[in-house]
Amino acid sequence: MRRPVRQRIAARPLQRNAAGFELKGENITFHYPHQPDTEEDVKYPSTSSQSKPALQDMFFHFEAGKMHALVGDNGCGKTTLVQLISQLYTNFSGRITLNGHNIKDYDINEVRSHVSVMFQDIAKLQRFSVFENIGIGDVNALAMNHGAIEAVAAEHKVTDFISLNTVIGDLHQVHKDPGEKWQAELSGGQWQKIALARTFLKGKDADLIILDEPTSALDVHAEHEFFQQLKTLRKGKTTIFITHKYVTTATADCIHFMKKGKIVERGNHAELMASNGEYARRYTLQTQGYTETGVGESV
């Protein structure tokens, strides 16, 4: 049986500023709950056992108002880190400060209300309309401000390919003409545009925007348009985006390279390329392709 989650009582009101959230982490260590890997673990589970730490003795600093790129190999802890920052997990050791104060001193729901997040696993509500799929990003807008939903849908070009009144599940249907059968579904890139519209519906009033692989399914033209939009939309906010596309990291004010649960390199693109570290190596591999001598090396 899971223990009930304790309600955290706020010790101070959330302090906001015009630039967005400033976030610092000191000695952050975080374990996911133990998952049995062997038949022995299943038969004799240990309530005290834990998995290896997803983050270990981590330090980080995300300055307010800047756009931060978070990069690194699969499994290095990028998504875990933003889950802690957005307070989806709170049982970590170490200290996270938000605008200079311990994040645990604030009301957890107040912190979450000023964070807008888009994770890789997009919630696809098949029984709901496109309008509602976007509107769940801000239930207040869904109830009272339909104009805001229509505007953000247009900004992210959702209405270029589908009507907002379309129920997603109804895309699979048969026309009245029995000889004209068709099935349709949204592409990955189209779903990503809906998810981005959902995120930025709330993001207009957010202090922190987190985007986990926001352009992974977009074509080159749509990706370029998105980052151009982001320059305007992110004003007055702190933005963190996770990406495996190193070509997009040059748009960031600061790049944080993660390895094995820690941030091991930090700086802008020019600085990290000049340092010729692991970020520079991966950027070169991805943008120039594997050389004959590089094939087979561990990346």
C-alpha atoms as a PDB file:
ATOM      1  CA  MET A   1       0.000   0.000   0.000  1.00  0.00           C
ATOM      2  CA  ARG A   2       1.285   3.448  -0.899  1.00  0.00           C
ATOM      3  CA  ARG A   3       1.619   5.987   1.873  1.00  0.00           C
ATOM      4  CA  PRO A   4      -0.640   9.018   1.465  1.00  0.00           C
ATOM      5  CA  VAL A   5       1.154  12.088   0.174  1.00  0.00           C
ATOM      6  CA  ARG A   6       1.507  14.736   2.849  1.00  0.00           C
ATOM      7  CA  GLN A   7       0.116  18.148   2.054  1.00  0.00           C
ATOM      8  CA  ARG A   8       2.966  20.624   2.170  1.00  0.00           C
ATOM      9  CA  ILE A   9       2.122  23.752   4.147  1.00  0.00           C
ATOM     10  CA  ALA A  10       3.635  26.901   2.669  1.00  0.00           C
ATOM     11  CA  ALA A  11       6.133  28.692   4.892  1.00  0.00           C
ATOM     12  CA  ARG A  12       6.244  31.705   2.567  1.00  0.00           C
ATOM     13  CA  PRO A  13       4.316  33.132  -0.372  1.00  0.00           C
ATOM     14  CA  LEU A  14       5.801  32.452  -3.791  1.00  0.00           C
ATOM     15  CA  GLN A  15       8.050  35.326  -4.808  1.00  0.00           C
ATOM     16  CA  ARG A  16       7.885  36.070  -8.545  1.00  0.00           C
ATOM     17  CA  ASN A  17       9.893  38.431 -10.688  1.00  0.00           C
ATOM     18  CA  ALA A  18       9.607  39.866 -14.178  1.00  0.00           C
ATOM     19  CA  ALA A  19      12.265  37.537 -15.611  1.00  0.00           C
ATOM     20  CA  GLY A  20      10.794  34.178 -14.551  1.00  0.00           C
ATOM     21  CA  PHE A  21      12.056  31.550 -12.127  1.00  0.00           C
ATOM     22  CA  GLU A  22      15.681  31.281 -11.045  1.00  0.00           C
ATOM     23  CA  LEU A  23      16.492  27.712 -10.028  1.00  0.00           C
ATOM     24  CA  LYS A  24      19.535  26.337  -8.244  1.00  0.00           C
ATOM     25  CA  GLY A  25      20.254  22.809  -7.062  1.00  0.00           C
ATOM     26  CA  GLU A  26      22.865  21.662  -4.549  1.00  0.00           C
ATOM     27  CA  ASN A  27      23.845  18.030  -3.896  1.00  0.00           C
ATOM     28  CA  ILE A  28      20.659  16.710  -5.502  1.00  0.00           C
ATOM     29  CA  THR A  29      20.302  12.937  -5.306  1.00  0.00           C
ATOM     30  CA  PHE A  30      17.157  11.134  -6.396  1.00  0.00           C
ATOM     31  CA  HIS A  31      16.172   7.459  -6.555  1.00  0.00           C
ATOM     32  CA  TYR A  32      13.170   6.106  -8.406  1.00  0.00           C
ATOM     33  CA  PRO A  33      11.254   3.481  -6.407  1.00  0.00           C
ATOM     34  CA  HIS A  34      12.878   0.051  -6.653  1.00  0.00           C
ATOM     35  CA  GLN A  35      11.610  -2.027  -9.568  1.00  0.00           C
ATOM     36  CA  PRO A  36      12.219  -5.791  -9.402  1.00  0.00           C
ATOM     37  CA  ASP A  37      14.677  -6.964 -12.051  1.00  0.00           C
ATOM     38  CA  THR A  38      14.865 -10.656 -11.216  1.00  0.00           C
ATOM     39  CA  GLU A  39      12.500 -13.459 -10.246  1.00  0.00           C
ATOM     40  CA  GLU A  40      14.107 -13.403  -6.789  1.00  0.00           C
ATOM     41  CA  ASP A  41      13.176  -9.719  -6.410  1.00  0.00           C
ATOM     42  CA  VAL A  42       9.569 -10.504  -7.279  1.00  0.00           C
ATOM     43  CA  LYS A  43       9.326 -13.361  -4.776  1.00  0.00           C
ATOM     44  CA  TYR A  44      11.092 -11.538  -1.943  1.00  0.00           C
ATOM     45  CA  PRO A  45      10.639  -7.796  -2.440  1.00  0.00           C
ATOM     46  CA  SER A  46      12.459  -5.501  -0.056  1.00  0.00           C
ATOM     47  CA  THR A  47      10.515  -2.440   1.050  1.00  0.00           C
ATOM     48  CA  SER A  48      13.739  -0.592   1.816  1.00  0.00           C
ATOM     49  CA  SER A  49      15.607  -1.382  -1.397  1.00  0.00           C
ATOM     50  CA  GLN A  50      16.108   1.314  -4.004  1.00  0.00           C
ATOM     51  CA  SER A  51      17.219   1.504  -7.576  1.00  0.00           C
ATOM     52  CA  LYS A  52      20.475   3.169  -8.533  1.00  0.00           C
ATOM     53  CA  PRO A  53      20.208   6.951  -8.269  1.00  0.00           C
ATOM     54  CA  ALA A  54      18.877   8.667 -11.385  1.00  0.00           C
ATOM     55  CA  LEU A  55      20.569  11.865 -10.170  1.00  0.00           C
ATOM     56  CA  GLN A  56      23.556  11.855  -7.840  1.00  0.00           C
ATOM     57  CA  ASP A  57      25.198  14.794  -6.054  1.00  0.00           C
ATOM     58  CA  MET A  58      24.033  17.113  -8.804  1.00  0.00           C
ATOM     59  CA  PHE A  59      24.540  20.858  -8.932  1.00  0.00           C
ATOM     60  CA  PHE A  60      22.654  23.055 -11.391  1.00  0.00           C
ATOM     61  CA  HIS A  61      21.802  26.685 -12.028  1.00  0.00           C
ATOM     62  CA  PHE A  62      19.106  27.878 -14.427  1.00  0.00           C
ATOM     63  CA  GLU A  63      19.211  31.673 -14.525  1.00  0.00           C
ATOM     64  CA  ALA A  64      15.941  33.562 -14.746  1.00  0.00           C
ATOM     65  CA  GLY A  65      14.785  34.750 -18.138  1.00  0.00           C
ATOM     66  CA  LYS A  66      17.231  32.659 -20.134  1.00  0.00           C
ATOM     67  CA  MET A  67      16.672  29.790 -22.541  1.00  0.00           C
ATOM     68  CA  HIS A  68      18.487  26.668 -21.375  1.00  0.00           C
ATOM     69  CA  ALA A  69      19.183  23.541 -23.430  1.00  0.00           C
ATOM     70  CA  LEU A  70      19.529  20.261 -21.534  1.00  0.00           C
ATOM     71  CA  VAL A  71      21.403  17.606 -23.504  1.00  0.00           C
ATOM     72  CA  GLY A  72      23.078  14.266 -22.967  1.00  0.00           C
ATOM     73  CA  ASP A  73      22.800  10.602 -23.858  1.00  0.00           C
ATOM     74  CA  ASN A  74      19.669   8.537 -23.225  1.00  0.00           C
ATOM     75  CA  GLY A  75      19.214   7.671 -19.567  1.00  0.00           C
ATOM     76  CA  CYS A  76      21.510  10.377 -18.193  1.00  0.00           C
ATOM     77  CA  GLY A  77      18.701  11.967 -16.123  1.00  0.00           C
ATOM     78  CA  LYS A  78      17.454  14.908 -18.215  1.00  0.00           C
ATOM     79  CA  THR A  79      13.735  14.193 -17.871  1.00  0.00           C
ATOM     80  CA  THR A  80      14.179  13.219 -14.226  1.00  0.00           C
ATOM     81  CA  LEU A  81      15.756  16.590 -13.491  1.00  0.00           C
ATOM     82  CA  VAL A  82      12.893  18.602 -14.990  1.00  0.00           C
ATOM     83  CA  GLN A  83      10.394  16.403 -13.150  1.00  0.00           C
ATOM     84  CA  LEU A  84      12.045  17.424  -9.880  1.00  0.00           C
ATOM     85  CA  ILE A  85      12.145  21.084 -10.897  1.00  0.00           C
ATOM     86  CA  SER A  86       8.452  21.046 -11.804  1.00  0.00           C
ATOM     87  CA  GLN A  87       7.701  19.308  -8.469  1.00  0.00           C
ATOM     88  CA  LEU A  88       6.291  16.099  -9.922  1.00  0.00           C
ATOM     89  CA  TYR A  89       8.715  14.352  -7.560  1.00  0.00           C
ATOM     90  CA  THR A  90       9.573  15.851  -4.193  1.00  0.00           C
ATOM     91  CA  ASN A  91      11.370  13.029  -2.340  1.00  0.00           C
ATOM     92  CA  PHE A  92      14.912  14.029  -3.257  1.00  0.00           C
ATOM     93  CA  SER A  93      17.861  14.776  -1.035  1.00  0.00           C
ATOM     94  CA  GLY A  94      19.767  18.026  -1.320  1.00  0.00           C
ATOM     95  CA  ARG A  95      18.344  21.495  -1.829  1.00  0.00           C
ATOM     96  CA  ILE A  96      16.549  23.214  -4.693  1.00  0.00           C
ATOM     97  CA  THR A  97      16.033  26.961  -4.405  1.00  0.00           C
ATOM     98  CA  LEU A  98      13.469  28.905  -6.398  1.00  0.00           C
ATOM     99  CA  ASN A  99      14.095  32.652  -6.565  1.00  0.00           C
ATOM    100  CA  GLY A 100      16.493  32.356  -3.637  1.00  0.00           C
ATOM    101  CA  HIS A 101      14.364  30.287  -1.259  1.00  0.00           C
ATOM    102  CA  ASN A 102      13.997  26.582  -0.610  1.00  0.00           C
ATOM    103  CA  ILE A 103      11.401  25.265  -3.045  1.00  0.00           C
ATOM    104  CA  LYS A 104       9.929  23.165  -0.224  1.00  0.00           C
ATOM    105  CA  ASP A 105       8.981  26.345   1.645  1.00  0.00           C
ATOM    106  CA  TYR A 106       6.418  27.207  -1.033  1.00  0.00           C
ATOM    107  CA  ASP A 107       2.975  25.762  -1.549  1.00  0.00           C
ATOM    108  CA  ILE A 108       3.532  22.946  -4.035  1.00  0.00           C
ATOM    109  CA  ASN A 109       0.357  23.705  -5.981  1.00  0.00           C
ATOM    110  CA  GLU A 110       1.305  27.375  -6.289  1.00  0.00           C
ATOM    111  CA  VAL A 111       4.691  26.418  -7.735  1.00  0.00           C
ATOM    112  CA  ARG A 112       3.084  24.018 -10.203  1.00  0.00           C
ATOM    113  CA  SER A 113       0.554  26.659 -11.267  1.00  0.00           C
ATOM    114  CA  HIS A 114       3.402  28.785 -12.656  1.00  0.00           C
ATOM    115  CA  VAL A 115       5.075  25.955 -14.562  1.00  0.00           C
ATOM    116  CA  SER A 116       4.021  24.805 -18.023  1.00  0.00           C
ATOM    117  CA  VAL A 117       5.440  21.457 -19.162  1.00  0.00           C
ATOM    118  CA  MET A 118       5.399  19.461 -22.375  1.00  0.00           C
ATOM    119  CA  PHE A 119       6.755  15.938 -21.938  1.00  0.00           C
ATOM    120  CA  GLN A 120       7.608  13.470 -24.706  1.00  0.00           C
ATOM    121  CA  ASP A 121       4.583  11.279 -23.986  1.00  0.00           C
ATOM    122  CA  ILE A 122       1.800  13.478 -25.299  1.00  0.00           C
ATOM    123  CA  ALA A 123      -1.642  12.967 -23.752  1.00  0.00           C
ATOM    124  CA  LYS A 124      -3.831  12.126 -26.747  1.00  0.00           C
ATOM    125  CA  LEU A 125      -7.479  12.480 -25.799  1.00  0.00           C
ATOM    126  CA  GLN A 126      -9.210  10.560 -28.560  1.00  0.00           C
ATOM    127  CA  ARG A 127     -12.740  11.174 -27.272  1.00  0.00           C
ATOM    128  CA  PHE A 128     -12.276  14.934 -27.154  1.00  0.00           C
ATOM    129  CA  SER A 129     -12.131  17.640 -29.779  1.00  0.00           C
ATOM    130  CA  VAL A 130      -8.939  19.355 -30.903  1.00  0.00           C
ATOM    131  CA  PHE A 131     -10.206  22.451 -29.073  1.00  0.00           C
ATOM    132  CA  GLU A 132     -10.490  20.465 -25.828  1.00  0.00           C
ATOM    133  CA  ASN A 133      -7.133  18.733 -26.366  1.00  0.00           C
ATOM    134  CA  ILE A 134      -5.525  22.180 -26.402  1.00  0.00           C
ATOM    135  CA  GLY A 135      -7.753  23.613 -23.674  1.00  0.00           C
ATOM    136  CA  ILE A 136      -6.692  21.111 -21.012  1.00  0.00           C
ATOM    137  CA  GLY A 137      -3.477  23.120 -20.837  1.00  0.00           C
ATOM    138  CA  ASP A 138      -5.470  25.743 -18.926  1.00  0.00           C
ATOM    139  CA  VAL A 139      -8.859  24.643 -17.618  1.00  0.00           C
ATOM    140  CA  ASN A 140      -9.796  28.264 -16.880  1.00  0.00           C
ATOM    141  CA  ALA A 141      -9.410  29.131 -20.557  1.00  0.00           C
ATOM    142  CA  LEU A 142     -11.362  26.018 -21.467  1.00  0.00           C
ATOM    143  CA  ALA A 143     -14.228  27.226 -19.297  1.00  0.00           C
ATOM    144  CA  MET A 144     -14.169  30.973 -19.923  1.00  0.00           C
ATOM    145  CA  ASN A 145     -11.646  32.126 -22.517  1.00  0.00           C
ATOM    146  CA  HIS A 146     -12.254  30.341 -25.796  1.00  0.00           C
ATOM    147  CA  GLY A 147     -10.550  33.164 -27.664  1.00  0.00           C
ATOM    148  CA  ALA A 148      -7.230  32.338 -26.009  1.00  0.00           C
ATOM    149  CA  ILE A 149      -7.449  28.729 -27.213  1.00  0.00           C
ATOM    150  CA  GLU A 150      -8.304  29.802 -30.748  1.00  0.00           C
ATOM    151  CA  ALA A 151      -5.404  32.274 -30.755  1.00  0.00           C
ATOM    152  CA  VAL A 152      -2.774  29.802 -29.534  1.00  0.00           C
ATOM    153  CA  ALA A 153      -4.033  27.187 -31.997  1.00  0.00           C
ATOM    154  CA  ALA A 154      -3.513  29.678 -34.821  1.00  0.00           C
ATOM    155  CA  GLU A 155      -0.051  30.650 -33.512  1.00  0.00           C
ATOM    156  CA  HIS A 156       1.089  27.038 -33.648  1.00  0.00           C
ATOM    157  CA  LYS A 157      -0.642  26.439 -37.012  1.00  0.00           C
ATOM    158  CA  VAL A 158      -2.984  23.758 -35.661  1.00  0.00           C
ATOM    159  CA  THR A 159      -5.877  25.233 -37.623  1.00  0.00           C
ATOM    160  CA  ASP A 160      -3.835  24.910 -40.821  1.00  0.00           C
ATOM    161  CA  PHE A 161      -4.451  21.150 -40.834  1.00  0.00           C
ATOM    162  CA  ILE A 162      -7.573  20.489 -38.749  1.00  0.00           C
ATOM    163  CA  SER A 163     -10.723  22.139 -37.420  1.00  0.00           C
ATOM    164  CA  LEU A 164     -10.795  22.814 -33.698  1.00  0.00           C
ATOM    165  CA  ASN A 165     -14.244  21.209 -33.511  1.00  0.00           C
ATOM    166  CA  THR A 166     -12.979  17.866 -34.823  1.00  0.00           C
ATOM    167  CA  VAL A 167     -13.214  15.008 -32.343  1.00  0.00           C
ATOM    168  CA  ILE A 168      -9.946  13.117 -32.692  1.00  0.00           C
ATOM    169  CA  GLY A 169     -11.571   9.692 -32.560  1.00  0.00           C
ATOM    170  CA  ASP A 170     -13.931  10.643 -35.387  1.00  0.00           C
ATOM    171  CA  LEU A 171     -11.050  10.822 -37.840  1.00  0.00           C
ATOM    172  CA  HIS A 172     -11.514   7.064 -38.244  1.00  0.00           C
ATOM    173  CA  GLN A 173     -14.831   6.803 -40.045  1.00  0.00           C
ATOM    174  CA  VAL A 174     -16.672   5.705 -43.148  1.00  0.00           C
ATOM    175  CA  HIS A 175     -18.323   8.213 -45.497  1.00  0.00           C
ATOM    176  CA  LYS A 176     -21.943   7.818 -46.466  1.00  0.00           C
ATOM    177  CA  ASP A 177     -20.812   6.627 -49.879  1.00  0.00           C
ATOM    178  CA  PRO A 178     -20.018   2.938 -49.233  1.00  0.00           C
ATOM    179  CA  GLY A 179     -17.409   3.012 -51.959  1.00  0.00           C
ATOM    180  CA  GLU A 180     -15.513   5.856 -50.316  1.00  0.00           C
ATOM    181  CA  LYS A 181     -13.918   4.390 -47.232  1.00  0.00           C
ATOM    182  CA  TRP A 182     -11.048   6.171 -45.575  1.00  0.00           C
ATOM    183  CA  GLN A 183      -9.139   6.232 -42.373  1.00  0.00           C
ATOM    184  CA  ALA A 184      -7.128   9.138 -41.113  1.00  0.00           C
ATOM    185  CA  GLU A 185      -5.057   9.900 -38.077  1.00  0.00           C
ATOM    186  CA  LEU A 186      -2.875  12.742 -36.947  1.00  0.00           C
ATOM    187  CA  SER A 187       0.826  12.469 -37.660  1.00  0.00           C
ATOM    188  CA  GLY A 188       3.430  12.728 -34.928  1.00  0.00           C
ATOM    189  CA  GLY A 189       4.276  16.260 -36.041  1.00  0.00           C
ATOM    190  CA  GLN A 190       0.617  17.320 -35.959  1.00  0.00           C
ATOM    191  CA  TRP A 191       0.199  15.938 -32.452  1.00  0.00           C
ATOM    192  CA  GLN A 192       3.328  17.804 -31.439  1.00  0.00           C
ATOM    193  CA  LYS A 193       1.836  21.078 -32.698  1.00  0.00           C
ATOM    194  CA  ILE A 194      -1.312  20.428 -30.647  1.00  0.00           C
ATOM    195  CA  ALA A 195       0.840  19.664 -27.586  1.00  0.00           C
ATOM    196  CA  LEU A 196       2.880  22.848 -28.073  1.00  0.00           C
ATOM    197  CA  ALA A 197      -0.321  24.894 -28.348  1.00  0.00           C
ATOM    198  CA  ARG A 198      -1.541  23.244 -25.128  1.00  0.00           C
ATOM    199  CA  THR A 199       1.727  24.072 -23.361  1.00  0.00           C
ATOM    200  CA  PHE A 200       1.840  27.703 -24.466  1.00  0.00           C
ATOM    201  CA  LEU A 201      -1.832  28.254 -23.630  1.00  0.00           C
ATOM    202  CA  LYS A 202      -0.749  28.048 -19.989  1.00  0.00           C
ATOM    203  CA  GLY A 203       2.729  29.290 -20.812  1.00  0.00           C
ATOM    204  CA  LYS A 204       1.481  32.827 -21.416  1.00  0.00           C
ATOM    205  CA  ASP A 205       1.151  33.213 -17.626  1.00  0.00           C
ATOM    206  CA  ALA A 206       3.916  30.805 -16.585  1.00  0.00           C
ATOM    207  CA  ASP A 207       7.266  31.700 -15.017  1.00  0.00           C
ATOM    208  CA  LEU A 208       8.906  28.467 -16.177  1.00  0.00           C
ATOM    209  CA  ILE A 209       8.378  26.590 -19.443  1.00  0.00           C
ATOM    210  CA  ILE A 210       9.778  23.070 -19.797  1.00  0.00           C
ATOM    211  CA  LEU A 211       9.849  21.392 -23.211  1.00  0.00           C
ATOM    212  CA  ASP A 212      10.963  17.767 -23.484  1.00  0.00           C
ATOM    213  CA  GLU A 213      11.953  17.069 -27.114  1.00  0.00           C
ATOM    214  CA  PRO A 214       9.528  19.732 -28.410  1.00  0.00           C
ATOM    215  CA  THR A 215      10.473  19.405 -32.091  1.00  0.00           C
ATOM    216  CA  SER A 216      11.385  15.723 -32.402  1.00  0.00           C
ATOM    217  CA  ALA A 217       8.535  15.052 -34.863  1.00  0.00           C
ATOM    218  CA  LEU A 218       8.581  18.378 -36.719  1.00  0.00           C
ATOM    219  CA  ASP A 219      10.085  18.876 -40.143  1.00  0.00           C
ATOM    220  CA  VAL A 220      12.979  21.307 -40.596  1.00  0.00           C
ATOM    221  CA  HIS A 221      10.749  24.202 -41.681  1.00  0.00           C
ATOM    222  CA  ALA A 222       8.296  23.745 -38.781  1.00  0.00           C
ATOM    223  CA  GLU A 223      11.191  23.392 -36.343  1.00  0.00           C
ATOM    224  CA  HIS A 224      12.729  26.667 -37.545  1.00  0.00           C
ATOM    225  CA  GLU A 225       9.356  28.425 -37.203  1.00  0.00           C
ATOM    226  CA  PHE A 226       8.942  27.074 -33.675  1.00  0.00           C
ATOM    227  CA  PHE A 227      12.281  28.418 -32.445  1.00  0.00           C
ATOM    228  CA  GLN A 228      11.536  31.768 -34.046  1.00  0.00           C
ATOM    229  CA  GLN A 229       8.212  31.836 -32.165  1.00  0.00           C
ATOM    230  CA  LEU A 230       9.941  30.813 -28.975  1.00  0.00           C
ATOM    231  CA  LYS A 231      12.116  33.927 -29.041  1.00  0.00           C
ATOM    232  CA  THR A 232       8.957  36.004 -28.591  1.00  0.00           C
ATOM    233  CA  LEU A 233       6.897  33.646 -26.429  1.00  0.00           C
ATOM    234  CA  ARG A 234       9.621  33.105 -23.821  1.00  0.00           C
ATOM    235  CA  LYS A 235      10.036  36.761 -22.852  1.00  0.00           C
ATOM    236  CA  GLY A 236       9.642  37.170 -19.091  1.00  0.00           C
ATOM    237  CA  LYS A 237      10.037  33.429 -18.534  1.00  0.00           C
ATOM    238  CA  THR A 238      12.732  30.873 -17.863  1.00  0.00           C
ATOM    239  CA  THR A 239      12.753  28.183 -20.541  1.00  0.00           C
ATOM    240  CA  ILE A 240      14.344  24.735 -20.381  1.00  0.00           C
ATOM    241  CA  PHE A 241      14.235  22.461 -23.401  1.00  0.00           C
ATOM    242  CA  ILE A 242      15.533  18.922 -23.643  1.00  0.00           C
ATOM    243  CA  THR A 243      16.790  17.864 -27.036  1.00  0.00           C
ATOM    244  CA  HIS A 244      18.788  15.225 -28.863  1.00  0.00           C
ATOM    245  CA  LYS A 245      19.076  17.502 -31.889  1.00  0.00           C
ATOM    246  CA  TYR A 246      22.349  19.278 -31.218  1.00  0.00           C
ATOM    247  CA  VAL A 247      21.770  21.607 -34.160  1.00  0.00           C
ATOM    248  CA  THR A 248      19.039  23.346 -32.091  1.00  0.00           C
ATOM    249  CA  THR A 249      21.217  24.004 -29.046  1.00  0.00           C
ATOM    250  CA  ALA A 250      22.899  27.059 -30.573  1.00  0.00           C
ATOM    251  CA  THR A 251      19.628  28.950 -30.001  1.00  0.00           C
ATOM    252  CA  ALA A 252      20.022  28.546 -26.219  1.00  0.00           C
ATOM    253  CA  ASP A 253      21.610  31.107 -23.916  1.00  0.00           C
ATOM    254  CA  CYS A 254      23.138  28.292 -21.857  1.00  0.00           C
ATOM    255  CA  ILE A 255      23.674  24.595 -22.591  1.00  0.00           C
ATOM    256  CA  HIS A 256      23.865  22.006 -19.808  1.00  0.00           C
ATOM    257  CA  PHE A 257      25.439  18.674 -20.784  1.00  0.00           C
ATOM    258  CA  MET A 258      24.474  15.754 -18.536  1.00  0.00           C
ATOM    259  CA  LYS A 259      26.216  12.449 -17.957  1.00  0.00           C
ATOM    260  CA  LYS A 260      25.319   9.723 -15.456  1.00  0.00           C
ATOM    261  CA  GLY A 261      23.000  11.880 -13.369  1.00  0.00           C
ATOM    262  CA  LYS A 262      25.172  14.998 -13.241  1.00  0.00           C
ATOM    263  CA  ILE A 263      25.714  18.162 -15.229  1.00  0.00           C
ATOM    264  CA  VAL A 264      29.329  17.884 -16.333  1.00  0.00           C
ATOM    265  CA  GLU A 265      29.600  20.769 -18.835  1.00  0.00           C
ATOM    266  CA  ARG A 266      27.909  24.168 -18.905  1.00  0.00           C
ATOM    267  CA  GLY A 267      28.188  27.207 -21.174  1.00  0.00           C
ATOM    268  CA  ASN A 268      26.973  28.626 -24.458  1.00  0.00           C
ATOM    269  CA  HIS A 269      27.552  26.843 -27.753  1.00  0.00           C
ATOM    270  CA  ALA A 270      30.740  28.709 -28.655  1.00  0.00           C
ATOM    271  CA  GLU A 271      32.252  28.138 -25.201  1.00  0.00           C
ATOM    272  CA  LEU A 272      31.502  24.416 -25.183  1.00  0.00           C
ATOM    273  CA  MET A 273      32.799  23.935 -28.709  1.00  0.00           C
ATOM    274  CA  ALA A 274      36.012  25.773 -27.766  1.00  0.00           C
ATOM    275  CA  SER A 275      36.481  23.550 -24.707  1.00  0.00           C
ATOM    276  CA  ASN A 276      36.438  20.501 -27.019  1.00  0.00           C
ATOM    277  CA  GLY A 277      34.702  18.320 -24.453  1.00  0.00           C
ATOM    278  CA  GLU A 278      31.951  15.730 -24.737  1.00  0.00           C
ATOM    279  CA  TYR A 279      29.343  18.225 -25.932  1.00  0.00           C
ATOM    280  CA  ALA A 280      31.634  19.321 -28.778  1.00  0.00           C
ATOM    281  CA  ARG A 281      32.285  15.718 -29.741  1.00  0.00           C
ATOM    282  CA  ARG A 282      28.609  14.813 -29.933  1.00  0.00           C
ATOM    283  CA  TYR A 283      27.736  18.004 -31.781  1.00  0.00           C
ATOM    284  CA  THR A 284      30.416  17.245 -34.367  1.00  0.00           C
ATOM    285  CA  LEU A 285      29.323  13.622 -34.753  1.00  0.00           C
ATOM    286  CA  GLN A 286      25.709  14.610 -35.305  1.00  0.00           C
ATOM    287  CA  THR A 287      26.212  17.561 -37.596  1.00  0.00           C
ATOM    288  CA  GLN A 288      29.053  16.205 -39.716  1.00  0.00           C
ATOM    289  CA  GLY A 289      28.323  12.481 -39.588  1.00  0.00           C
ATOM    290  CA  TYR A 290      30.520   9.621 -38.483  1.00  0.00           C
ATOM    291  CA  THR A 291      34.034   9.597 -39.869  1.00  0.00           C
ATOM    292  CA  GLU A 292      35.683   6.343 -40.738  1.00  0.00           C
ATOM    293  CA  THR A 293      37.745   6.466 -37.558  1.00  0.00           C
ATOM    294  CA  GLY A 294      34.752   7.384 -35.408  1.00  0.00           C
ATOM    295  CA  VAL A 295      32.550   4.430 -36.311  1.00  0.00           C
ATOM    296  CA  GLY A 296      32.290   1.951 -33.473  1.00  0.00           C
ATOM    297  CA  GLU A 297      33.363   4.346 -30.746  1.00  0.00           C
ATOM    298  CA  SER A 298      31.099   4.697 -27.737  1.00  0.00           C
ATOM    299  CA  VAL A 299      29.071   7.896 -27.775  1.00  0.00           C
END
